[in-house]
Amino acid sequence: MRSRAVLSPFVLVVLGVLAAAAASGWLLNSASFSDADPFAAAGRVMLSPDWRHTYASPWLQAGPFELLICLAGHTLGINAVGEPIVLNVIGAAALLLVAGFVLRRWQLLLVVGAGAIGLGVVSDLYEIGHPAELFISLIWLLAARAARRDRVLLAGVLLGVSAGFETWGLLGAPLLLLLPRFRSTVLAGAIALAVAAAIYAPFALGGDFHMFEQHWKITGGIEALLFGDARQFTWPMRLGEALVVVGAGSALALRLRRHALSVWVVPAATSVFRLALDPVRYGYYWDTALTLLLVGTAPWIVAPRALATSWASLLRPRSVPAPVD
């Protein structure tokens, strides 16, 4: 009886969040700016005998895993009404699974689920059609936890897998500095690169891979000051951007590596660094940081005294753990 009483709130929260996600897909299902259907079409090509041509167009910057999620939503949804419902439920289910594993309390899960619904993180899965923002944030969180626990292989594999959603998942490299030894960080980094390379290698070796030929039009921000507004931003310039983002994230990771808060602060900040340096900005880019902030601050929202505990952890990192660690 005690076990059932403890589990019931979890079940109610999960069902409530999934229902809200489905409702958001039913009510907020505009395809005006959605890449979900084009990604689903590319996913269909990827699973066909013509898979070598999946990345024939430079426009396609989505990774194989993102294509599969969009294809699953399109297939299981059956029609234009069902597709956004299915995609949003898939995203909500992934969020609940990871947040439930990390936080382990239904009150915290409720805050995260309700926040993700209210802030539009879940509805963006169809309306924007980029599941990567949500999924990469969840994988980064798990990778950071693995690094703090000195699980070198798992941390490296998870970071590499995140690149399978979109290549910018590798910008989470600073998370590997949460490993206790620099040698472990280097090893985990090599593992991440190997996993990411294995994901894209078949398409690159297939001979019709043009992902890195994409150019973006600069629409403002730091790049506009450096290179001029409306100029073209190329993949080599992306690599320069990546170096700066990873450098800033690494500096923060080194500063906070002893603190349990680093598990979500470092990935969230790295995502914000990426936003600050990106040549184009869309609202959904914030979904990665928002997801991590929801998970990280949920204990403070449910029990404000936990904020004091977290501040104490900054002063005494080895003796006061954070609820999310």
C-alpha atoms as a PDB file:
ATOM      1  CA  MET A   1       0.000   0.000   0.000  1.00  0.00           C
ATOM      2  CA  ARG A   2       2.825   2.380   0.828  1.00  0.00           C
ATOM      3  CA  SER A   3       4.504   1.691  -2.535  1.00  0.00           C
ATOM      4  CA  ARG A   4       1.271   2.338  -4.426  1.00  0.00           C
ATOM      5  CA  ALA A   5       0.729   5.605  -2.535  1.00  0.00           C
ATOM      6  CA  VAL A   6       4.210   6.764  -3.443  1.00  0.00           C
ATOM      7  CA  LEU A   7       3.894   5.826  -7.105  1.00  0.00           C
ATOM      8  CA  SER A   8       0.432   7.279  -7.680  1.00  0.00           C
ATOM      9  CA  PRO A   9       1.491  10.936  -7.798  1.00  0.00           C
ATOM     10  CA  PHE A  10       4.170  10.061 -10.333  1.00  0.00           C
ATOM     11  CA  VAL A  11       1.613   8.317 -12.510  1.00  0.00           C
ATOM     12  CA  LEU A  12      -0.796  11.227 -12.255  1.00  0.00           C
ATOM     13  CA  VAL A  13       1.907  13.745 -13.161  1.00  0.00           C
ATOM     14  CA  VAL A  14       3.080  11.662 -16.120  1.00  0.00           C
ATOM     15  CA  LEU A  15      -0.453  11.199 -17.432  1.00  0.00           C
ATOM     16  CA  GLY A  16      -1.269  14.877 -16.906  1.00  0.00           C
ATOM     17  CA  VAL A  17       1.831  16.129 -18.718  1.00  0.00           C
ATOM     18  CA  LEU A  18       1.353  13.696 -21.596  1.00  0.00           C
ATOM     19  CA  ALA A  19      -2.292  14.772 -21.904  1.00  0.00           C
ATOM     20  CA  ALA A  20      -1.251  18.426 -21.911  1.00  0.00           C
ATOM     21  CA  ALA A  21       1.363  17.674 -24.573  1.00  0.00           C
ATOM     22  CA  ALA A  22      -1.269  15.980 -26.714  1.00  0.00           C
ATOM     23  CA  ALA A  23      -3.608  18.933 -26.235  1.00  0.00           C
ATOM     24  CA  SER A  24      -0.856  21.341 -27.266  1.00  0.00           C
ATOM     25  CA  GLY A  25      -0.372  19.336 -30.444  1.00  0.00           C
ATOM     26  CA  TRP A  26      -4.083  19.448 -31.159  1.00  0.00           C
ATOM     27  CA  LEU A  27      -4.452  23.181 -30.490  1.00  0.00           C
ATOM     28  CA  LEU A  28      -1.050  24.536 -31.578  1.00  0.00           C
ATOM     29  CA  ASN A  29      -0.385  22.763 -34.837  1.00  0.00           C
ATOM     30  CA  SER A  30       0.564  25.471 -37.305  1.00  0.00           C
ATOM     31  CA  ALA A  31       2.927  24.144 -39.976  1.00  0.00           C
ATOM     32  CA  SER A  32       3.870  27.638 -41.184  1.00  0.00           C
ATOM     33  CA  PHE A  33       7.414  27.459 -39.801  1.00  0.00           C
ATOM     34  CA  SER A  34       7.689  23.725 -39.203  1.00  0.00           C
ATOM     35  CA  ASP A  35      10.485  21.599 -40.618  1.00  0.00           C
ATOM     36  CA  ALA A  36       8.860  18.421 -39.291  1.00  0.00           C
ATOM     37  CA  ASP A  37       7.480  17.234 -42.626  1.00  0.00           C
ATOM     38  CA  PRO A  38      10.647  17.950 -44.681  1.00  0.00           C
ATOM     39  CA  PHE A  39      12.682  16.184 -41.987  1.00  0.00           C
ATOM     40  CA  ALA A  40      10.262  13.251 -42.084  1.00  0.00           C
ATOM     41  CA  ALA A  41      10.645  13.076 -45.863  1.00  0.00           C
ATOM     42  CA  ALA A  42      14.440  13.037 -45.465  1.00  0.00           C
ATOM     43  CA  GLY A  43      14.066  10.303 -42.863  1.00  0.00           C
ATOM     44  CA  ARG A  44      12.080   8.255 -45.341  1.00  0.00           C
ATOM     45  CA  VAL A  45      14.899   8.624 -47.863  1.00  0.00           C
ATOM     46  CA  MET A  46      17.405   7.620 -45.183  1.00  0.00           C
ATOM     47  CA  LEU A  47      15.575   4.323 -44.648  1.00  0.00           C
ATOM     48  CA  SER A  48      15.223   3.616 -48.359  1.00  0.00           C
ATOM     49  CA  PRO A  49      17.632   2.106 -50.913  1.00  0.00           C
ATOM     50  CA  ASP A  50      18.501   5.719 -51.824  1.00  0.00           C
ATOM     51  CA  TRP A  51      19.874   6.456 -48.342  1.00  0.00           C
ATOM     52  CA  ARG A  52      23.132   7.781 -49.826  1.00  0.00           C
ATOM     53  CA  HIS A  53      21.217  10.829 -51.051  1.00  0.00           C
ATOM     54  CA  THR A  54      19.789  11.759 -47.645  1.00  0.00           C
ATOM     55  CA  TYR A  55      22.117  14.769 -47.392  1.00  0.00           C
ATOM     56  CA  ALA A  56      22.129  15.705 -51.062  1.00  0.00           C
ATOM     57  CA  SER A  57      20.779  19.157 -50.156  1.00  0.00           C
ATOM     58  CA  PRO A  58      22.958  21.479 -48.043  1.00  0.00           C
ATOM     59  CA  TRP A  59      19.763  22.782 -46.456  1.00  0.00           C
ATOM     60  CA  LEU A  60      19.419  19.612 -44.383  1.00  0.00           C
ATOM     61  CA  GLN A  61      21.300  20.197 -41.141  1.00  0.00           C
ATOM     62  CA  ALA A  62      19.299  17.747 -39.040  1.00  0.00           C
ATOM     63  CA  GLY A  63      21.047  14.605 -37.852  1.00  0.00           C
ATOM     64  CA  PRO A  64      19.795  11.061 -38.482  1.00  0.00           C
ATOM     65  CA  PHE A  65      18.192  10.754 -35.050  1.00  0.00           C
ATOM     66  CA  GLU A  66      16.214  13.957 -35.530  1.00  0.00           C
ATOM     67  CA  LEU A  67      15.012  12.699 -38.916  1.00  0.00           C
ATOM     68  CA  LEU A  68      13.851   9.453 -37.335  1.00  0.00           C
ATOM     69  CA  ILE A  69      11.867  11.250 -34.639  1.00  0.00           C
ATOM     70  CA  CYS A  70      10.117  13.430 -37.217  1.00  0.00           C
ATOM     71  CA  LEU A  71       9.433  10.381 -39.382  1.00  0.00           C
ATOM     72  CA  ALA A  72       7.974   8.564 -36.366  1.00  0.00           C
ATOM     73  CA  GLY A  73       5.678  11.513 -35.662  1.00  0.00           C
ATOM     74  CA  HIS A  74       4.580  11.689 -39.294  1.00  0.00           C
ATOM     75  CA  THR A  75       3.990   7.932 -39.553  1.00  0.00           C
ATOM     76  CA  LEU A  76       2.316   7.312 -36.203  1.00  0.00           C
ATOM     77  CA  GLY A  77       0.286  10.513 -36.460  1.00  0.00           C
ATOM     78  CA  ILE A  78      -1.256   9.236 -39.719  1.00  0.00           C
ATOM     79  CA  ASN A  79      -2.532  12.661 -40.786  1.00  0.00           C
ATOM     80  CA  ALA A  80      -2.033  16.409 -40.261  1.00  0.00           C
ATOM     81  CA  VAL A  81      -4.134  16.301 -37.082  1.00  0.00           C
ATOM     82  CA  GLY A  82      -2.339  13.404 -35.456  1.00  0.00           C
ATOM     83  CA  GLU A  83       1.245  14.276 -36.375  1.00  0.00           C
ATOM     84  CA  PRO A  84       1.702  17.261 -34.024  1.00  0.00           C
ATOM     85  CA  ILE A  85       0.025  15.334 -31.207  1.00  0.00           C
ATOM     86  CA  VAL A  86       2.391  12.394 -31.593  1.00  0.00           C
ATOM     87  CA  LEU A  87       5.516  14.543 -31.920  1.00  0.00           C
ATOM     88  CA  ASN A  88       4.674  16.581 -28.833  1.00  0.00           C
ATOM     89  CA  VAL A  89       3.905  13.451 -26.824  1.00  0.00           C
ATOM     90  CA  ILE A  90       7.233  11.913 -27.895  1.00  0.00           C
ATOM     91  CA  GLY A  91       9.043  15.015 -26.655  1.00  0.00           C
ATOM     92  CA  ALA A  92       7.117  15.136 -23.396  1.00  0.00           C
ATOM     93  CA  ALA A  93       7.748  11.436 -22.781  1.00  0.00           C
ATOM     94  CA  ALA A  94      11.499  11.897 -23.263  1.00  0.00           C
ATOM     95  CA  LEU A  95      11.488  14.880 -20.907  1.00  0.00           C
ATOM     96  CA  LEU A  96       9.544  12.993 -18.241  1.00  0.00           C
ATOM     97  CA  LEU A  97      11.806   9.966 -18.534  1.00  0.00           C
ATOM     98  CA  VAL A  98      15.028  11.911 -18.039  1.00  0.00           C
ATOM     99  CA  ALA A  99      13.663  14.404 -15.501  1.00  0.00           C
ATOM    100  CA  GLY A 100      12.072  11.586 -13.516  1.00  0.00           C
ATOM    101  CA  PHE A 101      15.369   9.699 -13.484  1.00  0.00           C
ATOM    102  CA  VAL A 102      17.324  12.777 -12.387  1.00  0.00           C
ATOM    103  CA  LEU A 103      14.918  14.397  -9.930  1.00  0.00           C
ATOM    104  CA  ARG A 104      13.044  11.343  -8.540  1.00  0.00           C
ATOM    105  CA  ARG A 105      10.258  13.386  -6.928  1.00  0.00           C
ATOM    106  CA  TRP A 106       6.841  13.888  -8.461  1.00  0.00           C
ATOM    107  CA  GLN A 107       6.637  17.512  -7.264  1.00  0.00           C
ATOM    108  CA  LEU A 108       9.801  18.363  -9.188  1.00  0.00           C
ATOM    109  CA  LEU A 109       8.606  16.413 -12.209  1.00  0.00           C
ATOM    110  CA  LEU A 110       5.386  18.416 -12.161  1.00  0.00           C
ATOM    111  CA  VAL A 111       7.315  21.701 -12.205  1.00  0.00           C
ATOM    112  CA  VAL A 112       9.468  20.567 -15.127  1.00  0.00           C
ATOM    113  CA  GLY A 113       6.554  19.140 -17.115  1.00  0.00           C
ATOM    114  CA  ALA A 114       4.251  22.095 -16.550  1.00  0.00           C
ATOM    115  CA  GLY A 115       7.068  24.529 -17.278  1.00  0.00           C
ATOM    116  CA  ALA A 116       7.972  22.818 -20.548  1.00  0.00           C
ATOM    117  CA  ILE A 117       4.339  22.880 -21.639  1.00  0.00           C
ATOM    118  CA  GLY A 118       3.769  26.478 -20.554  1.00  0.00           C
ATOM    119  CA  LEU A 119       6.961  27.826 -22.109  1.00  0.00           C
ATOM    120  CA  GLY A 120       6.275  26.133 -25.426  1.00  0.00           C
ATOM    121  CA  VAL A 121       9.273  23.812 -25.315  1.00  0.00           C
ATOM    122  CA  VAL A 122       7.050  20.809 -26.019  1.00  0.00           C
ATOM    123  CA  SER A 123       4.817  22.444 -28.638  1.00  0.00           C
ATOM    124  CA  ASP A 124       7.933  23.540 -30.539  1.00  0.00           C
ATOM    125  CA  LEU A 125       8.567  19.921 -31.467  1.00  0.00           C
ATOM    126  CA  TYR A 126       5.979  20.170 -34.224  1.00  0.00           C
ATOM    127  CA  GLU A 127       5.468  23.893 -34.684  1.00  0.00           C
ATOM    128  CA  ILE A 128       9.180  24.324 -35.367  1.00  0.00           C
ATOM    129  CA  GLY A 129      10.008  20.726 -36.201  1.00  0.00           C
ATOM    130  CA  HIS A 130      13.395  20.601 -34.473  1.00  0.00           C
ATOM    131  CA  PRO A 131      13.309  17.954 -31.707  1.00  0.00           C
ATOM    132  CA  ALA A 132      17.081  18.376 -31.354  1.00  0.00           C
ATOM    133  CA  GLU A 133      16.773  21.374 -29.023  1.00  0.00           C
ATOM    134  CA  LEU A 134      14.945  19.288 -26.420  1.00  0.00           C
ATOM    135  CA  PHE A 135      16.742  15.994 -26.930  1.00  0.00           C
ATOM    136  CA  ILE A 136      20.240  17.467 -26.908  1.00  0.00           C
ATOM    137  CA  SER A 137      19.515  19.269 -23.637  1.00  0.00           C
ATOM    138  CA  LEU A 138      18.429  15.975 -22.049  1.00  0.00           C
ATOM    139  CA  ILE A 139      21.454  14.093 -23.360  1.00  0.00           C
ATOM    140  CA  TRP A 140      23.807  16.856 -22.215  1.00  0.00           C
ATOM    141  CA  LEU A 141      22.306  16.621 -18.733  1.00  0.00           C
ATOM    142  CA  LEU A 142      22.865  12.862 -18.623  1.00  0.00           C
ATOM    143  CA  ALA A 143      26.394  13.271 -20.011  1.00  0.00           C
ATOM    144  CA  ALA A 144      27.222  15.858 -17.344  1.00  0.00           C
ATOM    145  CA  ARG A 145      25.933  13.537 -14.610  1.00  0.00           C
ATOM    146  CA  ALA A 146      28.005  10.703 -16.018  1.00  0.00           C
ATOM    147  CA  ALA A 147      31.090  12.912 -16.088  1.00  0.00           C
ATOM    148  CA  ARG A 148      30.619  13.953 -12.450  1.00  0.00           C
ATOM    149  CA  ARG A 149      30.452  10.267 -11.583  1.00  0.00           C
ATOM    150  CA  ASP A 150      33.687   9.554 -13.478  1.00  0.00           C
ATOM    151  CA  ARG A 151      31.923   7.375 -16.044  1.00  0.00           C
ATOM    152  CA  VAL A 152      34.224   8.158 -18.927  1.00  0.00           C
ATOM    153  CA  LEU A 153      32.781   5.846 -21.564  1.00  0.00           C
ATOM    154  CA  LEU A 154      29.172   6.783 -20.885  1.00  0.00           C
ATOM    155  CA  ALA A 155      29.895  10.518 -20.891  1.00  0.00           C
ATOM    156  CA  GLY A 156      31.757  10.286 -24.194  1.00  0.00           C
ATOM    157  CA  VAL A 157      29.158   8.102 -25.872  1.00  0.00           C
ATOM    158  CA  LEU A 158      26.296  10.346 -24.773  1.00  0.00           C
ATOM    159  CA  LEU A 159      28.004  13.468 -26.074  1.00  0.00           C
ATOM    160  CA  GLY A 160      28.666  11.740 -29.391  1.00  0.00           C
ATOM    161  CA  VAL A 161      25.056  10.587 -29.598  1.00  0.00           C
ATOM    162  CA  SER A 162      23.855  14.173 -29.093  1.00  0.00           C
ATOM    163  CA  ALA A 163      25.588  15.092 -32.365  1.00  0.00           C
ATOM    164  CA  GLY A 164      23.342  12.545 -34.056  1.00  0.00           C
ATOM    165  CA  PHE A 165      20.434  14.930 -33.519  1.00  0.00           C
ATOM    166  CA  GLU A 166      22.299  17.973 -34.842  1.00  0.00           C
ATOM    167  CA  THR A 167      26.032  18.445 -35.168  1.00  0.00           C
ATOM    168  CA  TRP A 168      26.081  21.310 -32.657  1.00  0.00           C
ATOM    169  CA  GLY A 169      25.580  18.670 -29.978  1.00  0.00           C
ATOM    170  CA  LEU A 170      29.378  18.460 -29.894  1.00  0.00           C
ATOM    171  CA  LEU A 171      29.423  21.990 -28.488  1.00  0.00           C
ATOM    172  CA  GLY A 172      28.659  20.234 -25.201  1.00  0.00           C
ATOM    173  CA  ALA A 173      32.347  19.253 -25.015  1.00  0.00           C
ATOM    174  CA  PRO A 174      32.876  21.434 -21.886  1.00  0.00           C
ATOM    175  CA  LEU A 175      30.758  18.929 -19.962  1.00  0.00           C
ATOM    176  CA  LEU A 176      33.604  16.464 -20.220  1.00  0.00           C
ATOM    177  CA  LEU A 177      35.733  18.763 -18.064  1.00  0.00           C
ATOM    178  CA  LEU A 178      33.498  17.720 -15.173  1.00  0.00           C
ATOM    179  CA  LEU A 179      35.421  14.433 -15.192  1.00  0.00           C
ATOM    180  CA  PRO A 180      37.890  14.401 -12.297  1.00  0.00           C
ATOM    181  CA  ARG A 181      41.020  13.885 -14.435  1.00  0.00           C
ATOM    182  CA  PHE A 182      42.117  15.687 -17.599  1.00  0.00           C
ATOM    183  CA  ARG A 183      43.254  12.386 -19.105  1.00  0.00           C
ATOM    184  CA  SER A 184      39.699  11.109 -18.731  1.00  0.00           C
ATOM    185  CA  THR A 185      38.403  14.264 -20.407  1.00  0.00           C
ATOM    186  CA  VAL A 186      40.649  13.678 -23.417  1.00  0.00           C
ATOM    187  CA  LEU A 187      39.600  10.028 -23.644  1.00  0.00           C
ATOM    188  CA  ALA A 188      35.898  10.883 -23.374  1.00  0.00           C
ATOM    189  CA  GLY A 189      36.358  13.566 -26.043  1.00  0.00           C
ATOM    190  CA  ALA A 190      37.943  11.050 -28.390  1.00  0.00           C
ATOM    191  CA  ILE A 191      35.065   8.664 -27.766  1.00  0.00           C
ATOM    192  CA  ALA A 192      32.528  11.413 -28.492  1.00  0.00           C
ATOM    193  CA  LEU A 193      34.225  12.311 -31.769  1.00  0.00           C
ATOM    194  CA  ALA A 194      34.394   8.648 -32.766  1.00  0.00           C
ATOM    195  CA  VAL A 195      30.683   8.131 -32.079  1.00  0.00           C
ATOM    196  CA  ALA A 196      29.719  11.291 -33.965  1.00  0.00           C
ATOM    197  CA  ALA A 197      31.932  10.313 -36.900  1.00  0.00           C
ATOM    198  CA  ALA A 198      30.403   6.834 -36.983  1.00  0.00           C
ATOM    199  CA  ILE A 199      26.920   8.356 -37.217  1.00  0.00           C
ATOM    200  CA  TYR A 200      27.694  10.526 -40.245  1.00  0.00           C
ATOM    201  CA  ALA A 201      30.436   8.474 -41.923  1.00  0.00           C
ATOM    202  CA  PRO A 202      28.104   6.252 -43.985  1.00  0.00           C
ATOM    203  CA  PHE A 203      26.491   9.317 -45.567  1.00  0.00           C
ATOM    204  CA  ALA A 204      29.809  11.077 -46.149  1.00  0.00           C
ATOM    205  CA  LEU A 205      31.351   7.953 -47.674  1.00  0.00           C
ATOM    206  CA  GLY A 206      28.226   7.408 -49.754  1.00  0.00           C
ATOM    207  CA  GLY A 207      29.352  10.235 -52.000  1.00  0.00           C
ATOM    208  CA  ASP A 208      26.359  12.601 -51.925  1.00  0.00           C
ATOM    209  CA  PHE A 209      26.921  14.444 -48.662  1.00  0.00           C
ATOM    210  CA  HIS A 210      26.606  18.237 -48.881  1.00  0.00           C
ATOM    211  CA  MET A 211      25.729  19.267 -45.328  1.00  0.00           C
ATOM    212  CA  PHE A 212      28.862  21.389 -44.938  1.00  0.00           C
ATOM    213  CA  GLU A 213      28.099  23.462 -48.031  1.00  0.00           C
ATOM    214  CA  GLN A 214      25.272  25.316 -46.305  1.00  0.00           C
ATOM    215  CA  HIS A 215      25.550  29.112 -45.920  1.00  0.00           C
ATOM    216  CA  TRP A 216      23.530  31.205 -43.486  1.00  0.00           C
ATOM    217  CA  LYS A 217      22.574  34.850 -43.896  1.00  0.00           C
ATOM    218  CA  ILE A 218      23.756  36.934 -40.949  1.00  0.00           C
ATOM    219  CA  THR A 219      20.746  38.640 -39.384  1.00  0.00           C
ATOM    220  CA  GLY A 220      22.385  40.581 -36.556  1.00  0.00           C
ATOM    221  CA  GLY A 221      24.324  40.191 -33.365  1.00  0.00           C
ATOM    222  CA  ILE A 222      28.075  39.948 -32.924  1.00  0.00           C
ATOM    223  CA  GLU A 223      28.579  38.451 -36.401  1.00  0.00           C
ATOM    224  CA  ALA A 224      26.882  41.444 -38.014  1.00  0.00           C
ATOM    225  CA  LEU A 225      29.349  43.733 -36.238  1.00  0.00           C
ATOM    226  CA  LEU A 226      32.314  41.610 -37.294  1.00  0.00           C
ATOM    227  CA  PHE A 227      31.385  40.659 -40.850  1.00  0.00           C
ATOM    228  CA  GLY A 228      28.471  42.903 -41.803  1.00  0.00           C
ATOM    229  CA  ASP A 229      24.726  42.433 -41.776  1.00  0.00           C
ATOM    230  CA  ALA A 230      23.235  40.150 -44.465  1.00  0.00           C
ATOM    231  CA  ARG A 231      26.666  38.645 -45.249  1.00  0.00           C
ATOM    232  CA  GLN A 232      27.066  34.900 -45.734  1.00  0.00           C
ATOM    233  CA  PHE A 233      28.124  32.773 -42.767  1.00  0.00           C
ATOM    234  CA  THR A 234      29.873  29.562 -43.832  1.00  0.00           C
ATOM    235  CA  TRP A 235      30.723  26.277 -42.162  1.00  0.00           C
ATOM    236  CA  PRO A 236      34.395  27.257 -41.649  1.00  0.00           C
ATOM    237  CA  MET A 237      33.068  30.295 -39.797  1.00  0.00           C
ATOM    238  CA  ARG A 238      30.879  27.922 -37.791  1.00  0.00           C
ATOM    239  CA  LEU A 239      34.024  26.128 -36.667  1.00  0.00           C
ATOM    240  CA  GLY A 240      35.447  29.418 -35.421  1.00  0.00           C
ATOM    241  CA  GLU A 241      32.196  30.068 -33.569  1.00  0.00           C
ATOM    242  CA  ALA A 242      32.414  26.581 -32.065  1.00  0.00           C
ATOM    243  CA  LEU A 243      35.909  27.217 -30.729  1.00  0.00           C
ATOM    244  CA  VAL A 244      34.750  30.338 -28.915  1.00  0.00           C
ATOM    245  CA  VAL A 245      31.630  28.644 -27.504  1.00  0.00           C
ATOM    246  CA  VAL A 246      33.570  25.601 -26.320  1.00  0.00           C
ATOM    247  CA  GLY A 247      36.274  27.846 -24.877  1.00  0.00           C
ATOM    248  CA  ALA A 248      33.776  29.892 -22.869  1.00  0.00           C
ATOM    249  CA  GLY A 249      31.934  26.789 -21.712  1.00  0.00           C
ATOM    250  CA  SER A 250      35.205  25.127 -20.739  1.00  0.00           C
ATOM    251  CA  ALA A 251      36.263  28.106 -18.651  1.00  0.00           C
ATOM    252  CA  LEU A 252      32.981  27.920 -16.769  1.00  0.00           C
ATOM    253  CA  ALA A 253      33.234  24.141 -16.376  1.00  0.00           C
ATOM    254  CA  LEU A 254      36.715  24.461 -14.871  1.00  0.00           C
ATOM    255  CA  ARG A 255      35.432  27.107 -12.472  1.00  0.00           C
ATOM    256  CA  LEU A 256      32.413  25.057 -11.362  1.00  0.00           C
ATOM    257  CA  ARG A 257      33.638  21.473 -11.752  1.00  0.00           C
ATOM    258  CA  ARG A 258      33.731  20.889  -7.993  1.00  0.00           C
ATOM    259  CA  HIS A 259      30.156  22.074  -7.580  1.00  0.00           C
ATOM    260  CA  ALA A 260      27.128  19.851  -8.063  1.00  0.00           C
ATOM    261  CA  LEU A 261      25.307  22.742  -9.760  1.00  0.00           C
ATOM    262  CA  SER A 262      27.691  22.345 -12.690  1.00  0.00           C
ATOM    263  CA  VAL A 263      25.594  19.407 -13.928  1.00  0.00           C
ATOM    264  CA  TRP A 264      22.985  21.782 -15.327  1.00  0.00           C
ATOM    265  CA  VAL A 265      24.624  25.221 -15.142  1.00  0.00           C
ATOM    266  CA  VAL A 266      27.478  24.343 -17.522  1.00  0.00           C
ATOM    267  CA  PRO A 267      25.288  22.877 -20.301  1.00  0.00           C
ATOM    268  CA  ALA A 268      22.720  25.661 -19.946  1.00  0.00           C
ATOM    269  CA  ALA A 269      25.403  28.350 -20.110  1.00  0.00           C
ATOM    270  CA  THR A 270      27.076  26.637 -23.075  1.00  0.00           C
ATOM    271  CA  SER A 271      23.757  26.760 -24.902  1.00  0.00           C
ATOM    272  CA  VAL A 272      23.454  30.480 -24.148  1.00  0.00           C
ATOM    273  CA  PHE A 273      27.006  31.067 -25.396  1.00  0.00           C
ATOM    274  CA  ARG A 274      25.967  29.395 -28.634  1.00  0.00           C
ATOM    275  CA  LEU A 275      22.956  31.691 -28.911  1.00  0.00           C
ATOM    276  CA  ALA A 276      25.075  34.767 -28.338  1.00  0.00           C
ATOM    277  CA  LEU A 277      27.388  33.878 -31.214  1.00  0.00           C
ATOM    278  CA  ASP A 278      24.930  32.420 -33.702  1.00  0.00           C
ATOM    279  CA  PRO A 279      24.489  34.401 -36.947  1.00  0.00           C
ATOM    280  CA  VAL A 280      20.742  33.697 -36.936  1.00  0.00           C
ATOM    281  CA  ARG A 281      18.397  33.533 -33.970  1.00  0.00           C
ATOM    282  CA  TYR A 282      15.039  31.849 -33.640  1.00  0.00           C
ATOM    283  CA  GLY A 283      12.921  31.649 -30.514  1.00  0.00           C
ATOM    284  CA  TYR A 284      13.128  27.877 -30.345  1.00  0.00           C
ATOM    285  CA  TYR A 285      16.914  28.090 -29.913  1.00  0.00           C
ATOM    286  CA  TRP A 286      16.172  28.906 -26.260  1.00  0.00           C
ATOM    287  CA  ASP A 287      14.485  25.536 -25.701  1.00  0.00           C
ATOM    288  CA  THR A 288      17.781  23.848 -24.816  1.00  0.00           C
ATOM    289  CA  ALA A 289      18.667  26.321 -22.074  1.00  0.00           C
ATOM    290  CA  LEU A 290      15.058  26.512 -20.858  1.00  0.00           C
ATOM    291  CA  THR A 291      14.851  22.745 -20.435  1.00  0.00           C
ATOM    292  CA  LEU A 292      18.052  22.645 -18.422  1.00  0.00           C
ATOM    293  CA  LEU A 293      16.971  25.607 -16.308  1.00  0.00           C
ATOM    294  CA  LEU A 294      13.649  23.930 -15.552  1.00  0.00           C
ATOM    295  CA  VAL A 295      15.363  20.757 -14.359  1.00  0.00           C
ATOM    296  CA  GLY A 296      18.021  22.636 -12.426  1.00  0.00           C
ATOM    297  CA  THR A 297      15.768  25.122 -10.654  1.00  0.00           C
ATOM    298  CA  ALA A 298      12.822  22.804  -9.956  1.00  0.00           C
ATOM    299  CA  PRO A 299      14.122  22.005  -6.430  1.00  0.00           C
ATOM    300  CA  TRP A 300      14.296  25.742  -5.686  1.00  0.00           C
ATOM    301  CA  ILE A 301      10.749  26.307  -6.910  1.00  0.00           C
ATOM    302  CA  VAL A 302       9.301  23.434  -4.880  1.00  0.00           C
ATOM    303  CA  ALA A 303      11.386  24.136  -1.776  1.00  0.00           C
ATOM    304  CA  PRO A 304      12.921  27.632  -1.753  1.00  0.00           C
ATOM    305  CA  ARG A 305      15.189  26.611   1.104  1.00  0.00           C
ATOM    306  CA  ALA A 306      17.000  24.396  -1.383  1.00  0.00           C
ATOM    307  CA  LEU A 307      18.313  27.619  -2.912  1.00  0.00           C
ATOM    308  CA  ALA A 308      20.191  28.326   0.289  1.00  0.00           C
ATOM    309  CA  THR A 309      21.557  24.780   0.211  1.00  0.00           C
ATOM    310  CA  SER A 310      22.749  25.310  -3.343  1.00  0.00           C
ATOM    311  CA  TRP A 311      24.487  28.550  -2.398  1.00  0.00           C
ATOM    312  CA  ALA A 312      26.111  26.679   0.453  1.00  0.00           C
ATOM    313  CA  SER A 313      27.348  24.118  -2.067  1.00  0.00           C
ATOM    314  CA  LEU A 314      29.150  26.916  -3.897  1.00  0.00           C
ATOM    315  CA  LEU A 315      30.960  27.804  -0.696  1.00  0.00           C
ATOM    316  CA  ARG A 316      31.512  24.210   0.439  1.00  0.00           C
ATOM    317  CA  PRO A 317      31.344  22.140  -2.762  1.00  0.00           C
ATOM    318  CA  ARG A 318      32.525  18.889  -1.256  1.00  0.00           C
ATOM    319  CA  SER A 319      30.161  18.760   1.698  1.00  0.00           C
ATOM    320  CA  VAL A 320      26.796  20.010   0.395  1.00  0.00           C
ATOM    321  CA  PRO A 321      25.367  18.234  -2.670  1.00  0.00           C
ATOM    322  CA  ALA A 322      22.772  19.764  -4.963  1.00  0.00           C
ATOM    323  CA  PRO A 323      19.366  18.060  -5.404  1.00  0.00           C
ATOM    324  CA  VAL A 324      19.878  17.635  -9.151  1.00  0.00           C
ATOM    325  CA  ASP A 325      23.336  16.086  -9.028  1.00  0.00           C
END
